[in-house]
Amino acid sequence: MSKSEPGLTELTEYCDDCGRRTPHNVSIELKTESSKQTNQEFSREPYRVTECASCGDESFQRMNDA
């Protein structure tokens, strides 16, 4: 396997910046959506965060959107 080809356990996704499928690092992050101090603890939402391992481009997607 060459260095430019992902391994079997790597997650590949399409990268708009690279214009092709590349290995990505994926994580879940809780983001606070309210700017009001009184209810910030109740306004956290899970986001899927992907980072292209080739160019570093990041994208965020809210997980519980209908």
Protein backbone atom coordinates (compact mmCIF):
# COMPACT_ATOMS: atom_id res chain seq x y z
CA MET A 1 0.00 0.00 0.00
CA SER A 2 1.42 3.37 -0.96
CA LYS A 3 1.41 6.37 1.37
CA SER A 4 -1.18 8.18 -0.79
CA GLU A 5 -3.73 5.35 -0.51
CA PRO A 6 -5.77 5.02 2.68
CA GLY A 7 -5.55 1.84 4.73
CA LEU A 8 -8.50 -0.45 5.30
CA THR A 9 -9.30 1.08 8.69
CA GLU A 10 -9.09 4.74 7.60
CA LEU A 11 -12.26 6.71 6.95
CA THR A 12 -12.33 8.37 3.55
CA GLU A 13 -14.73 11.10 2.52
CA TYR A 14 -14.96 13.49 -0.37
CA CYS A 15 -13.04 16.73 0.24
CA ASP A 16 -14.25 19.80 -1.67
CA ASP A 17 -10.84 21.48 -1.34
CA CYS A 18 -8.86 18.47 -2.59
CA GLY A 19 -11.48 17.48 -5.18
CA ARG A 20 -11.24 13.77 -4.31
CA ARG A 21 -11.80 11.20 -1.55
CA THR A 22 -9.15 11.53 1.15
CA PRO A 23 -8.60 10.17 4.67
CA HIS A 24 -10.48 12.17 7.29
CA ASN A 25 -10.33 12.44 11.06
CA VAL A 26 -13.87 12.39 12.48
CA SER A 27 -14.99 13.37 15.97
CA ILE A 28 -18.10 14.50 17.87
CA GLU A 29 -18.04 17.89 19.59
CA LEU A 30 -20.60 19.57 21.85
CA LYS A 31 -21.17 23.19 20.86
CA THR A 32 -23.03 25.79 22.90
CA GLU A 33 -25.58 27.54 20.70
CA SER A 34 -26.99 30.09 23.14
CA SER A 35 -25.23 33.32 24.01
CA LYS A 36 -27.41 33.82 27.12
CA GLN A 37 -25.52 32.97 30.30
CA THR A 38 -28.67 31.71 32.07
CA ASN A 39 -29.36 28.75 29.77
CA GLN A 40 -26.04 27.91 28.09
CA GLU A 41 -25.84 24.57 29.86
CA PHE A 42 -29.09 23.49 28.15
CA SER A 43 -28.19 24.68 24.67
CA ARG A 44 -25.35 22.30 23.84
CA GLU A 45 -25.78 20.31 20.63
CA PRO A 46 -23.66 17.48 19.19
CA TYR A 47 -21.78 18.21 15.95
CA ARG A 48 -19.91 15.81 13.67
CA VAL A 49 -16.51 17.34 12.94
CA THR A 50 -14.48 16.11 9.97
CA GLU A 51 -10.93 17.18 9.16
CA CYS A 52 -9.21 16.26 5.90
CA ALA A 53 -5.90 14.57 6.65
CA SER A 54 -4.48 15.90 3.36
CA CYS A 55 -5.31 19.61 3.41
CA GLY A 56 -6.67 20.23 6.94
CA ASP A 57 -10.08 21.55 5.79
CA GLU A 58 -12.68 21.18 8.56
CA SER A 59 -16.43 20.83 8.33
CA PHE A 60 -19.10 20.80 11.04
CA GLN A 61 -22.54 19.14 10.80
CA ARG A 62 -25.21 19.35 13.49
CA MET A 63 -26.15 15.79 14.43
CA ASN A 64 -29.78 16.14 15.45
CA ASP A 65 -31.15 18.18 12.54
CA ALA A 66 -34.30 16.65 11.10
